[in-house]
Amino acid sequence: MSEKRWLYRPVPESPEELLAVENLTRELKVNPFMAMLLVQRGVHTFDQARTYFRPELLHLHDPFLMKDMDKAVQRLQMAMVREEKILVYGDYDVDGTTSVALFYGFMKTLYPHLDYYIPDRYKEGYGISSQGIEWAAENGFSLIVSLDCGIKSVDRVDEALEKDIEFIICDHHRPGAELPRAVAVLDPKRSDCEYPYKELTGCGVGFKLLQALCLFKGIPLDRLFDYLDLLAISIASDIVPIVGENRVLAYYGLKKLNASPGFGLQALIKVAGFSSELDITNVVFGLGPRINAAGRIKHAKAAVQLLLAETEEEATDFAFAINEHNNSRRQYDSSITEQALAMIQGDEWLLNAKSTVLFNNTWHKGVIGIVASRCIEKYHRPTIILTESHNRAAGSARSVPGFDVYEAIEECSDLLEQFGGHTFAAGLTLKLENIKAFQQKFEEVVTRRIQAEQLVPMIEIDLPLDFDAIDQKFYNVLKQMSPFGPQNMAPVFSTSEVFLVGEPYIMKEKHLKMTVQQAGSYQRFTAIGFNMAHHALFLRRDQPFSICYQIEENNYNGNKSLQLYLKDIKATVGVEQ
């Protein structure tokens, strides 16, 4: 039925872990399956469970633990005392635009001599640009605070210094061999930075600078916490781990987003069609792409204007415009993905390769990262999609779980002009004449470094679960484990000896809906499998099968029931520990 790997997380089995399961079962009054889930996630005691289920803003780290934070605060304070003009400079993606909206929006309540700048994706490209520095010089700015960019902008910062403009850099990308000559370089990924949490977003680093400024000036932090809805958008959209400090910030950011979002986010939620409580998934697939679409299709400044909107009318206008950009983005995305998949299917070398590198000079630069992700859905391997920009090839890379695409690209740096990013996503530029050589070298690097199992789609399963353990109380506790995301994913369970009850139902010719029951259990559940209609051909009422799934609550006309959202179906389960 399925070619996907089912990889089971290790179950608690040491004496210490088993004792923790026993204690949590008793102290939290939960069933042993829930206690095992918690122990798997590092929650072993009642106090740890309280911290996990009820994050507190008091758990945020001291921002002054970050390297250069004292220098950054002193320079910011000096600029305010001297009434210097401060420019807030951010990247054009969701992390960058939310960073600018948060930093500028809060600083504007403290200080008037402030403006912001977002580079044009197509005219200026990623990072700090010469055009941006020139604009700052022409308009009398003497301090630039860069957000979600700047860590590798050594030459641009030198260029700014020649024009008597200083920099405070707030970034979260991996530094290069040399740091820019900024007044302060805030980046928890600096090798000499002892800040205890390394996975902040760019917006998160900007937030820490503002937190430090508030502590320095005696400003109540509650004023800053009013902007946590923007930070939650950045955390969700940048696909960073939702553990530690990010979990605390996302938890309270989502509360703010659902209770009292700013005018801009309120309007965006409305055009996206959401009417119930938002979670991380809604942000990742509903709000984030719309904010991103502004910079992909037109100019990201529109996204910042939306997020900073001060009236409902203004916000509504920007939200409708951005929604139209998103509709255009979808059309580009669909068309280019179709072309990219056809290129792979029509080339035997590409079909048999362990990586994908594709180039087309007509492809829209704003969606190539999305197209790379779409290609991975079909061909599960590291993928780079390139298009032409300013007589260069510009590309976006995406990876598969367990494979560091940044390090693979770094091995090919002799063929590149610029690159940067993270483990699973990166950007790069190279000369057009180097594309073929890069494609071959990247394939060689991936072939040498990648493990065979990383090329097979994998579903990570938390626990085997009996249907009799699933009830409303179990689901209620499960829901409190949110916000879900990397390193705290929504739990996935498997159940074997499952039988079909009645006939399967095919929805819209591609989705599967059926009623299932486990042998020996009276419990029956509706199971939904999106894009899984093909499995119906193999299902027989007299033949048991295994399923892996997530548990969700269905609310139809006020009637609530638990449903299973299928991830996969197998005739037999292959267990990998």
Protein backbone atom coordinates (compact mmCIF):
# COMPACT_ATOMS: atom_id res chain seq x y z
CA MET A 1 0.00 0.00 0.00
CA SER A 2 2.66 2.52 1.07
CA GLU A 3 6.33 3.08 0.31
CA LYS A 4 6.85 5.48 3.20
CA ARG A 5 9.06 4.61 6.16
CA TRP A 6 7.38 4.48 9.53
CA LEU A 7 10.00 5.53 12.06
CA TYR A 8 9.04 5.07 15.70
CA ARG A 9 10.45 7.37 18.35
CA PRO A 10 12.12 5.44 21.20
CA VAL A 11 9.57 4.55 23.88
CA PRO A 12 10.46 5.13 27.54
CA GLU A 13 12.18 1.96 28.76
CA SER A 14 14.96 2.83 31.22
CA PRO A 15 14.11 2.47 34.95
CA GLU A 16 14.22 6.27 35.33
CA GLU A 17 11.89 6.81 32.37
CA LEU A 18 9.44 4.14 33.48
CA LEU A 19 9.34 5.68 36.96
CA ALA A 20 8.67 9.09 35.38
CA VAL A 21 5.78 7.59 33.35
CA GLU A 22 4.33 6.06 36.52
CA ASN A 23 4.67 9.31 38.50
CA LEU A 24 3.19 11.51 35.75
CA THR A 25 0.27 9.12 35.26
CA ARG A 26 -0.56 9.44 38.95
CA GLU A 27 0.25 13.13 39.55
CA LEU A 28 -1.33 14.51 36.36
CA LYS A 29 -4.20 11.99 36.40
CA VAL A 30 -3.60 11.08 32.75
CA ASN A 31 -3.43 7.69 31.05
CA PRO A 32 -0.02 6.00 30.61
CA PHE A 33 0.07 6.77 26.87
CA MET A 34 -0.07 10.51 27.61
CA ALA A 35 2.63 10.14 30.27
CA MET A 36 4.84 8.30 27.76
CA LEU A 37 4.34 11.11 25.22
CA LEU A 38 5.51 13.64 27.78
CA VAL A 39 8.58 11.63 28.79
CA GLN A 40 9.50 11.30 25.10
CA ARG A 41 9.53 15.13 24.96
CA GLY A 42 11.78 15.52 27.97
CA VAL A 43 9.02 16.13 30.51
CA HIS A 44 9.81 13.86 33.49
CA THR A 45 8.46 15.65 36.56
CA PHE A 46 5.34 17.46 37.69
CA ASP A 47 7.20 20.80 37.69
CA GLN A 48 8.48 20.21 34.15
CA ALA A 49 4.93 19.35 33.08
CA ARG A 50 3.64 22.59 34.60
CA THR A 51 6.29 24.57 32.68
CA TYR A 52 5.49 22.65 29.47
CA PHE A 53 1.71 23.05 29.65
CA ARG A 54 1.74 26.56 31.13
CA PRO A 55 4.67 28.54 29.68
CA GLU A 56 5.40 31.81 31.46
CA LEU A 57 6.91 34.99 30.09
CA LEU A 58 9.02 34.95 33.25
CA HIS A 59 10.85 32.00 31.63
CA LEU A 60 12.36 34.29 28.96
CA HIS A 61 16.14 34.57 29.14
CA ASP A 62 17.94 37.74 30.16
CA PRO A 63 18.60 39.52 26.82
CA PHE A 64 21.92 40.85 28.13
CA LEU A 65 23.28 37.29 27.96
CA MET A 66 23.52 37.81 24.19
CA LYS A 67 26.93 38.89 22.89
CA ASP A 68 27.07 42.65 22.13
CA MET A 69 23.63 43.35 23.65
CA ASP A 70 25.04 45.97 26.03
CA LYS A 71 26.74 47.74 23.10
CA ALA A 72 23.51 47.64 21.06
CA VAL A 73 21.42 49.14 23.86
CA GLN A 74 23.98 51.86 24.61
CA ARG A 75 24.17 52.84 20.91
CA LEU A 76 20.38 52.88 20.58
CA GLN A 77 20.07 55.00 23.72
CA MET A 78 22.77 57.39 22.49
CA ALA A 79 20.94 57.81 19.18
CA MET A 80 17.73 58.67 21.02
CA VAL A 81 19.47 61.18 23.31
CA ARG A 82 21.20 62.83 20.32
CA GLU A 83 17.98 62.76 18.28
CA GLU A 84 19.69 60.88 15.45
CA LYS A 85 17.63 59.46 12.61
CA ILE A 86 17.33 55.67 12.98
CA LEU A 87 16.52 53.41 10.02
CA VAL A 88 14.95 50.01 10.64
CA TYR A 89 16.09 47.74 7.78
CA GLY A 90 14.51 44.31 7.24
CA ASP A 91 14.42 41.42 4.82
CA TYR A 92 11.46 40.98 2.47
CA ASP A 93 10.18 37.61 3.78
CA VAL A 94 7.73 37.01 6.66
CA ASP A 95 10.45 37.00 9.30
CA GLY A 96 11.89 40.24 7.96
CA THR A 97 8.60 42.11 7.54
CA THR A 98 7.26 41.07 10.96
CA SER A 99 10.65 42.07 12.42
CA VAL A 100 10.35 45.55 10.95
CA ALA A 101 6.70 45.93 11.96
CA LEU A 102 7.46 44.85 15.55
CA PHE A 103 10.66 46.90 15.96
CA TYR A 104 9.44 50.03 14.19
CA GLY A 105 5.94 49.80 15.70
CA PHE A 106 7.26 49.61 19.26
CA MET A 107 10.11 52.11 18.83
CA LYS A 108 7.67 54.62 17.33
CA THR A 109 5.93 54.74 20.73
CA LEU A 110 9.23 55.83 22.30
CA TYR A 111 10.97 57.90 19.65
CA PRO A 112 9.82 59.94 16.61
CA HIS A 113 12.93 60.15 14.38
CA LEU A 114 12.47 56.76 12.79
CA ASP A 115 11.75 55.18 9.42
CA TYR A 116 11.98 51.73 7.85
CA TYR A 117 13.35 50.25 4.64
CA ILE A 118 12.67 46.95 2.88
CA PRO A 119 14.86 46.09 -0.15
CA ASP A 120 13.25 45.17 -3.44
CA ARG A 121 13.62 41.41 -3.94
CA TYR A 122 14.27 41.80 -7.66
CA LYS A 123 16.22 45.06 -7.92
CA GLU A 124 18.33 44.75 -4.76
CA GLY A 125 18.21 41.10 -3.74
CA TYR A 126 18.65 39.56 -0.31
CA GLY A 127 20.43 41.31 2.55
CA ILE A 128 21.73 44.82 3.01
CA SER A 129 21.99 46.58 -0.34
CA SER A 130 24.08 49.47 -1.63
CA GLN A 131 20.83 51.14 -2.72
CA GLY A 132 19.52 50.94 0.83
CA ILE A 133 22.67 52.49 2.27
CA GLU A 134 22.60 55.23 -0.37
CA TRP A 135 18.96 55.98 0.50
CA ALA A 136 19.86 56.15 4.21
CA ALA A 137 22.74 58.56 3.50
CA GLU A 138 20.62 60.81 1.27
CA ASN A 139 17.95 61.03 3.96
CA GLY A 140 20.25 61.77 6.88
CA PHE A 141 20.21 58.49 8.81
CA SER A 142 23.22 57.82 11.04
CA LEU A 143 22.17 54.48 12.56
CA ILE A 144 20.69 51.42 10.84
CA VAL A 145 19.21 48.51 12.77
CA SER A 146 19.14 45.51 10.41
CA LEU A 147 16.70 42.70 11.14
CA ASP A 148 16.82 39.13 9.77
CA CYS A 149 19.82 40.07 7.62
CA GLY A 150 23.29 41.56 7.81
CA ILE A 151 25.39 38.82 9.38
CA LYS A 152 27.36 38.35 6.14
CA SER A 153 27.17 41.96 4.90
CA VAL A 154 30.82 42.80 5.62
CA ASP A 155 31.30 44.97 2.51
CA ARG A 156 27.97 46.78 2.84
CA VAL A 157 28.62 47.71 6.48
CA ASP A 158 32.06 49.05 5.47
CA GLU A 159 30.35 51.01 2.71
CA ALA A 160 27.97 52.51 5.29
CA LEU A 161 30.82 53.45 7.63
CA GLU A 162 32.38 55.48 4.81
CA LYS A 163 29.14 57.48 4.79
CA ASP A 164 29.19 57.90 8.61
CA ILE A 165 26.36 55.41 9.10
CA GLU A 166 26.69 52.81 11.86
CA PHE A 167 24.95 49.46 12.14
CA ILE A 168 23.34 47.31 14.81
CA ILE A 169 22.81 43.88 13.26
CA CYS A 170 20.03 41.58 14.52
CA ASP A 171 20.26 38.28 12.65
CA HIS A 172 19.83 34.55 13.22
CA HIS A 173 21.54 33.09 10.15
CA ARG A 174 24.90 31.35 10.32
CA PRO A 175 27.80 33.83 10.38
CA GLY A 176 30.61 33.69 7.85
CA ALA A 177 34.32 33.61 8.67
CA GLU A 178 34.36 37.39 9.20
CA LEU A 179 31.81 39.49 11.09
CA PRO A 180 30.75 42.92 9.81
CA ARG A 181 32.29 45.96 11.54
CA ALA A 182 29.00 46.93 13.17
CA VAL A 183 28.66 48.62 16.57
CA ALA A 184 26.92 45.43 17.70
CA VAL A 185 26.30 42.09 16.01
CA LEU A 186 23.43 40.29 17.73
CA ASP A 187 23.21 36.69 16.54
CA PRO A 188 22.83 33.73 18.92
CA LYS A 189 24.57 31.54 16.31
CA ARG A 190 27.84 33.46 16.74
CA SER A 191 30.45 30.99 17.98
CA ASP A 192 31.41 33.41 20.77
CA CYS A 193 27.82 34.08 21.88
CA GLU A 194 26.84 32.31 25.10
CA TYR A 195 23.14 33.12 24.85
CA PRO A 196 21.43 29.91 26.04
CA TYR A 197 18.85 29.65 23.23
CA LYS A 198 20.15 29.48 19.66
CA GLU A 199 16.95 29.11 17.60
CA LEU A 200 15.38 32.57 17.72
CA THR A 201 13.99 34.01 14.50
CA GLY A 202 15.28 37.30 13.13
CA CYS A 203 12.17 38.89 14.62
CA GLY A 204 13.02 37.15 17.89
CA VAL A 205 16.50 38.71 17.97
CA GLY A 206 14.96 42.14 17.34
CA PHE A 207 12.49 41.46 20.16
CA LYS A 208 15.38 40.63 22.52
CA LEU A 209 17.01 43.99 21.71
CA LEU A 210 13.75 45.77 22.56
CA GLN A 211 13.40 43.68 25.72
CA ALA A 212 16.90 44.78 26.74
CA LEU A 213 16.07 48.42 25.93
CA CYS A 214 12.94 48.21 28.10
CA LEU A 215 14.94 46.78 31.00
CA PHE A 216 17.59 49.49 30.58
CA LYS A 217 15.05 52.33 30.46
CA GLY A 218 12.60 50.93 33.02
CA ILE A 219 9.78 50.55 30.48
CA PRO A 220 7.09 48.01 31.52
CA LEU A 221 7.55 44.85 29.42
CA ASP A 222 3.78 44.52 29.02
CA ARG A 223 3.99 47.32 26.47
CA LEU A 224 6.38 45.20 24.38
CA PHE A 225 4.34 42.02 24.87
CA ASP A 226 1.48 43.69 22.97
CA TYR A 227 3.50 42.95 19.80
CA LEU A 228 3.86 39.21 20.40
CA ASP A 229 1.26 38.40 17.72
CA LEU A 230 3.81 39.56 15.13
CA LEU A 231 6.53 37.44 16.72
CA ALA A 232 4.28 34.36 16.67
CA ILE A 233 3.78 34.86 12.90
CA SER A 234 7.55 34.94 12.43
CA ILE A 235 8.18 31.83 14.58
CA ALA A 236 5.50 29.83 12.77
CA SER A 237 6.46 30.94 9.26
CA ASP A 238 10.23 30.57 9.59
CA ILE A 239 9.81 26.89 10.63
CA VAL A 240 12.09 27.16 13.67
CA PRO A 241 11.94 24.76 16.65
CA ILE A 242 8.97 25.49 18.92
CA VAL A 243 10.68 24.55 22.15
CA GLY A 244 12.38 26.63 24.83
CA GLU A 245 12.06 30.38 24.38
CA ASN A 246 10.29 30.08 21.01
CA ARG A 247 7.56 27.97 22.66
CA VAL A 248 6.95 30.65 25.30
CA LEU A 249 6.86 33.42 22.69
CA ALA A 250 4.65 31.46 20.28
CA TYR A 251 2.27 30.44 23.10
CA TYR A 252 1.62 34.04 24.16
CA GLY A 253 1.81 35.35 20.61
CA LEU A 254 -1.00 33.02 19.55
CA LYS A 255 -3.04 34.12 22.57
CA LYS A 256 -2.65 37.72 21.45
CA LEU A 257 -3.37 36.79 17.81
CA ASN A 258 -6.64 35.11 18.79
CA ALA A 259 -7.76 37.61 21.44
CA SER A 260 -6.81 41.04 20.10
CA PRO A 261 -4.68 41.12 16.94
CA GLY A 262 -3.64 44.43 15.45
CA PHE A 263 -5.79 45.93 12.68
CA GLY A 264 -3.53 44.49 9.97
CA LEU A 265 -3.53 40.91 11.19
CA GLN A 266 -7.25 41.15 11.94
CA ALA A 267 -7.94 42.12 8.32
CA LEU A 268 -5.60 39.40 7.03
CA ILE A 269 -7.35 36.76 9.14
CA LYS A 270 -10.65 37.88 7.63
CA VAL A 271 -9.54 37.71 3.97
CA ALA A 272 -7.93 34.32 4.65
CA GLY A 273 -11.37 33.05 5.70
CA PHE A 274 -10.55 31.98 9.26
CA SER A 275 -13.42 32.10 11.76
CA SER A 276 -12.25 29.80 14.57
CA GLU A 277 -9.21 29.86 16.84
CA LEU A 278 -5.90 30.02 14.96
CA ASP A 279 -3.02 27.63 15.57
CA ILE A 280 0.51 27.36 14.18
CA THR A 281 -0.71 25.41 11.13
CA ASN A 282 -3.19 28.17 10.22
CA VAL A 283 -0.37 30.71 10.41
CA VAL A 284 2.05 28.59 8.35
CA PHE A 285 -0.42 27.86 5.55
CA GLY A 286 -2.86 30.78 5.80
CA LEU A 287 -1.26 33.97 7.05
CA GLY A 288 2.46 33.50 6.35
CA PRO A 289 2.10 32.89 2.59
CA ARG A 290 -0.07 35.98 2.23
CA ILE A 291 2.45 38.20 4.02
CA ASN A 292 5.22 36.66 1.92
CA ALA A 293 3.27 37.19 -1.29
CA ALA A 294 3.70 40.97 -1.11
CA GLY A 295 7.48 40.68 -1.55
CA ARG A 296 7.25 37.77 -3.98
CA ILE A 297 4.90 39.48 -6.43
CA LYS A 298 5.32 43.25 -5.82
CA HIS A 299 7.15 44.91 -2.91
CA ALA A 300 7.30 43.71 0.70
CA LYS A 301 6.76 47.25 1.98
CA ALA A 302 3.04 46.61 1.49
CA ALA A 303 3.23 43.81 4.07
CA VAL A 304 4.80 46.16 6.63
CA GLN A 305 2.19 48.82 5.85
CA LEU A 306 -0.51 46.22 6.48
CA LEU A 307 1.01 45.09 9.78
CA LEU A 308 1.40 48.71 10.95
CA ALA A 309 -2.08 49.83 9.82
CA GLU A 310 -3.73 52.11 12.38
CA THR A 311 -7.33 51.91 11.14
CA GLU A 312 -9.62 49.09 10.09
CA GLU A 313 -10.24 50.74 6.71
CA GLU A 314 -6.54 51.09 5.92
CA ALA A 315 -5.87 47.50 7.02
CA THR A 316 -8.71 46.14 4.89
CA ASP A 317 -7.38 47.85 1.74
CA PHE A 318 -3.88 46.43 2.26
CA ALA A 319 -5.23 42.97 3.14
CA PHE A 320 -7.29 42.75 -0.05
CA ALA A 321 -4.33 43.86 -2.17
CA ILE A 322 -2.02 41.34 -0.51
CA ASN A 323 -4.61 38.60 -0.94
CA GLU A 324 -4.63 39.33 -4.68
CA HIS A 325 -0.83 39.06 -4.71
CA ASN A 326 -1.21 35.67 -3.03
CA ASN A 327 -3.64 34.52 -5.71
CA SER A 328 -1.06 35.51 -8.35
CA ARG A 329 1.63 33.70 -6.37
CA ARG A 330 -0.45 30.52 -6.41
CA GLN A 331 -0.80 30.69 -10.20
CA TYR A 332 2.96 31.12 -10.69
CA ASP A 333 3.62 28.37 -8.15
CA SER A 334 1.32 25.90 -9.89
CA SER A 335 2.58 26.64 -13.41
CA ILE A 336 6.30 26.54 -12.55
CA THR A 337 5.93 23.41 -10.43
CA GLU A 338 4.29 21.68 -13.39
CA GLN A 339 7.20 22.71 -15.64
CA ALA A 340 9.82 21.64 -13.09
CA LEU A 341 8.29 18.20 -12.59
CA ALA A 342 8.08 17.75 -16.37
CA MET A 343 11.81 18.56 -16.66
CA ILE A 344 12.64 15.83 -14.13
CA GLN A 345 10.33 13.30 -15.72
CA GLY A 346 11.79 13.96 -19.16
CA ASP A 347 15.43 13.54 -18.15
CA GLU A 348 16.76 10.10 -17.24
CA TRP A 349 19.81 11.54 -15.47
CA LEU A 350 17.61 13.74 -13.27
CA LEU A 351 15.24 10.86 -12.57
CA ASN A 352 18.09 8.73 -11.24
CA ALA A 353 19.96 11.50 -9.42
CA LYS A 354 20.05 11.90 -5.65
CA SER A 355 19.55 15.66 -5.93
CA THR A 356 17.59 18.05 -8.12
CA VAL A 357 19.06 21.23 -9.61
CA LEU A 358 16.86 22.91 -12.23
CA PHE A 359 17.25 26.20 -14.11
CA ASN A 360 14.87 28.19 -16.28
CA ASN A 361 15.52 31.86 -16.98
CA THR A 362 11.79 32.68 -17.20
CA TRP A 363 10.75 31.36 -13.80
CA HIS A 364 9.46 33.89 -11.28
CA LYS A 365 12.10 34.43 -8.61
CA GLY A 366 9.46 34.99 -5.95
CA VAL A 367 8.18 31.41 -5.94
CA ILE A 368 11.24 29.24 -6.61
CA GLY A 369 11.55 28.28 -2.94
CA ILE A 370 7.95 27.08 -2.94
CA VAL A 371 8.58 25.15 -6.17
CA ALA A 372 11.61 23.46 -4.57
CA SER A 373 9.38 22.27 -1.73
CA ARG A 374 6.78 21.01 -4.21
CA CYS A 375 9.44 19.02 -6.07
CA ILE A 376 10.52 17.40 -2.81
CA GLU A 377 6.93 16.28 -2.22
CA LYS A 378 7.19 14.30 -5.47
CA TYR A 379 10.90 13.41 -5.52
CA HIS A 380 12.16 13.16 -1.96
CA ARG A 381 15.67 14.61 -2.24
CA PRO A 382 17.62 17.88 -1.77
CA THR A 383 16.42 20.35 -4.38
CA ILE A 384 17.63 23.67 -5.79
CA ILE A 385 15.53 25.73 -8.20
CA LEU A 386 17.36 28.44 -10.15
CA THR A 387 16.19 31.34 -12.27
CA GLU A 388 17.92 34.30 -13.91
CA SER A 389 18.26 37.59 -12.04
CA HIS A 390 20.56 40.48 -13.03
CA ASN A 391 22.55 38.25 -15.42
CA ARG A 392 23.15 35.75 -12.63
CA ALA A 393 21.49 32.51 -11.59
CA ALA A 394 19.63 32.99 -8.31
CA GLY A 395 18.32 29.97 -6.47
CA SER A 396 16.47 28.61 -3.49
CA ALA A 397 17.41 25.30 -1.87
CA ARG A 398 15.23 23.02 0.23
CA SER A 399 16.20 19.76 1.90
CA VAL A 400 14.83 16.53 3.30
CA PRO A 401 14.85 15.60 7.02
CA GLY A 402 18.31 14.79 8.31
CA PHE A 403 20.29 16.30 5.43
CA ASP A 404 22.11 19.64 5.86
CA VAL A 405 21.70 21.39 2.52
CA TYR A 406 23.63 24.46 3.73
CA GLU A 407 26.77 22.38 4.31
CA ALA A 408 26.34 20.68 0.93
CA ILE A 409 26.12 24.07 -0.80
CA GLU A 410 29.12 25.29 1.19
CA GLU A 411 31.19 22.48 -0.36
CA CYS A 412 30.35 23.97 -3.76
CA SER A 413 31.21 27.54 -2.75
CA ASP A 414 34.05 27.80 -5.31
CA LEU A 415 31.33 27.92 -7.98
CA LEU A 416 29.15 30.44 -6.13
CA GLU A 417 29.13 34.20 -5.73
CA GLN A 418 26.98 34.26 -2.61
CA PHE A 419 25.06 31.85 -0.39
CA GLY A 420 23.43 31.74 3.03
CA GLY A 421 20.73 30.08 5.04
CA HIS A 422 19.96 27.20 7.37
CA THR A 423 20.13 23.42 7.55
CA PHE A 424 16.95 22.83 5.54
CA ALA A 425 16.69 26.00 3.43
CA ALA A 426 19.22 28.25 1.74
CA GLY A 427 19.66 30.82 -1.01
CA LEU A 428 22.49 31.18 -3.52
CA THR A 429 23.69 33.09 -6.57
CA LEU A 430 26.19 32.04 -9.24
CA LYS A 431 27.31 32.93 -12.75
CA LEU A 432 25.13 31.52 -15.51
CA GLU A 433 28.08 29.68 -17.06
CA ASN A 434 28.64 27.79 -13.77
CA ILE A 435 25.18 26.21 -13.60
CA LYS A 436 26.11 22.90 -15.25
CA ALA A 437 29.28 22.50 -13.18
CA PHE A 438 27.36 23.37 -10.02
CA GLN A 439 24.63 20.84 -10.84
CA GLN A 440 27.24 18.10 -11.23
CA LYS A 441 29.25 19.04 -8.14
CA PHE A 442 26.16 19.38 -5.95
CA GLU A 443 25.05 15.92 -7.09
CA GLU A 444 28.50 14.53 -6.21
CA VAL A 445 28.37 16.12 -2.75
CA VAL A 446 24.84 14.91 -2.04
CA THR A 447 25.62 11.40 -3.30
CA ARG A 448 28.60 11.22 -0.97
CA ARG A 449 26.90 12.68 2.09
CA ILE A 450 23.29 11.52 2.00
CA GLN A 451 22.10 8.31 3.66
CA ALA A 452 19.91 5.95 1.63
CA GLU A 453 17.05 6.16 4.13
CA GLN A 454 17.01 9.98 3.85
CA LEU A 455 15.85 9.57 0.25
CA VAL A 456 12.70 7.70 1.33
CA PRO A 457 9.76 9.75 2.69
CA MET A 458 9.48 9.16 6.41
CA ILE A 459 6.68 9.46 8.92
CA GLU A 460 7.83 9.81 12.50
CA ILE A 461 5.43 8.06 14.87
CA ASP A 462 5.34 8.84 18.57
CA LEU A 463 3.56 5.76 19.90
CA PRO A 464 1.52 2.71 18.97
CA LEU A 465 -1.93 3.41 20.44
CA ASP A 466 -4.99 1.26 21.13
CA PHE A 467 -8.34 2.73 20.13
CA ASP A 468 -9.62 2.14 23.68
CA ALA A 469 -7.14 4.76 24.94
CA ILE A 470 -8.68 7.48 22.76
CA ASP A 471 -11.34 9.54 24.50
CA GLN A 472 -12.25 13.20 24.98
CA LYS A 473 -10.03 13.61 28.05
CA PHE A 474 -7.04 12.19 26.16
CA TYR A 475 -7.68 14.63 23.31
CA ASN A 476 -8.13 17.60 25.67
CA VAL A 477 -4.70 16.99 27.22
CA LEU A 478 -3.22 16.39 23.75
CA LYS A 479 -4.48 19.79 22.61
CA GLN A 480 -2.74 21.48 25.55
CA MET A 481 0.61 20.24 24.21
CA SER A 482 0.36 22.95 21.53
CA PRO A 483 1.73 25.13 20.02
CA PHE A 484 3.07 22.42 17.75
CA GLY A 485 5.99 22.73 15.38
CA PRO A 486 9.54 21.47 14.84
CA GLN A 487 10.82 19.53 17.90
CA ASN A 488 7.30 19.62 19.36
CA MET A 489 5.25 18.21 16.50
CA ALA A 490 1.61 17.24 16.89
CA PRO A 491 1.72 13.60 18.06
CA VAL A 492 1.34 10.88 15.46
CA PHE A 493 0.07 7.46 16.51
CA SER A 494 -0.19 4.07 14.86
CA THR A 495 -2.75 1.33 15.37
CA SER A 496 -2.58 -2.19 13.95
CA GLU A 497 -5.27 -4.84 13.46
CA VAL A 498 -7.64 -2.21 12.10
CA PHE A 499 -10.71 -3.23 10.08
CA LEU A 500 -12.91 -1.36 7.66
CA VAL A 501 -16.52 -0.89 8.79
CA GLY A 502 -18.81 -0.53 5.78
CA GLU A 503 -17.50 0.80 2.49
CA PRO A 504 -14.86 3.50 2.00
CA TYR A 505 -16.09 6.79 0.57
CA ILE A 506 -14.15 8.81 -2.02
CA MET A 507 -14.47 12.60 -1.74
CA LYS A 508 -13.76 14.88 -4.72
CA GLU A 509 -12.09 11.93 -6.49
CA LYS A 510 -8.95 12.18 -4.34
CA HIS A 511 -9.74 12.05 -0.61
CA LEU A 512 -10.60 8.96 1.45
CA LYS A 513 -13.21 8.76 4.20
CA MET A 514 -14.02 5.58 6.09
CA THR A 515 -15.13 4.16 9.42
CA VAL A 516 -12.57 1.98 11.19
CA GLN A 517 -12.52 -0.31 14.20
CA GLN A 518 -9.65 -2.09 15.93
CA ALA A 519 -9.88 -5.82 16.63
CA GLY A 520 -10.97 -6.34 20.24
CA SER A 521 -12.28 -2.78 20.66
CA TYR A 522 -15.81 -1.41 20.54
CA GLN A 523 -14.54 2.04 19.56
CA ARG A 524 -15.25 3.18 16.01
CA PHE A 525 -13.79 6.30 14.43
CA THR A 526 -14.21 8.20 11.21
CA ALA A 527 -10.85 8.35 9.44
CA ILE A 528 -10.03 10.96 6.79
CA GLY A 529 -7.11 10.62 4.37
CA PHE A 530 -6.41 13.65 2.18
CA ASN A 531 -5.08 12.69 -1.27
CA MET A 532 -5.33 9.03 -0.22
CA ALA A 533 -8.21 7.84 -2.41
CA HIS A 534 -5.90 5.33 -4.13
CA HIS A 535 -5.74 3.29 -0.92
CA ALA A 536 -9.42 2.37 -1.31
CA LEU A 537 -8.45 -0.12 -4.03
CA PHE A 538 -6.60 -2.26 -1.47
CA LEU A 539 -9.01 -2.10 1.47
CA ARG A 540 -11.11 -5.19 2.26
CA ARG A 541 -13.49 -5.55 5.18
CA ASP A 542 -12.08 -8.97 6.08
CA GLN A 543 -8.41 -7.96 5.91
CA PRO A 544 -6.74 -6.08 8.78
CA PHE A 545 -4.39 -3.19 8.09
CA SER A 546 -2.35 -0.66 10.04
CA ILE A 547 -2.80 3.09 10.08
CA CYS A 548 -0.83 6.06 11.37
CA TYR A 549 -2.73 9.23 12.16
CA GLN A 550 -3.27 12.35 14.20
CA ILE A 551 -6.33 12.86 16.37
CA GLU A 552 -8.50 15.91 15.73
CA GLU A 553 -11.88 17.13 16.92
CA ASN A 554 -14.66 17.53 14.37
CA ASN A 555 -17.31 20.13 15.17
CA TYR A 556 -20.28 19.81 12.82
CA ASN A 557 -23.43 21.78 13.63
CA GLY A 558 -22.42 21.88 17.28
CA ASN A 559 -21.86 18.12 17.48
CA LYS A 560 -18.30 17.32 18.50
CA SER A 561 -16.60 14.02 17.75
CA LEU A 562 -13.03 12.76 17.52
CA GLN A 563 -11.70 11.92 14.06
CA LEU A 564 -8.51 10.31 12.83
CA TYR A 565 -6.57 12.25 10.21
CA LEU A 566 -4.60 9.61 8.34
CA LYS A 567 -0.94 10.01 7.48
CA ASP A 568 -0.53 6.57 5.89
CA ILE A 569 -1.97 3.05 5.58
CA LYS A 570 0.01 -0.20 5.45
CA ALA A 571 -0.95 -3.82 5.01
CA THR A 572 1.63 -4.63 7.69
CA VAL A 573 3.75 -2.35 9.86
CA GLY A 574 7.50 -2.17 9.42
CA VAL A 575 8.81 -0.88 12.71
CA GLU A 576 12.13 1.00 12.85
CA GLN A 577 13.56 1.95 16.21
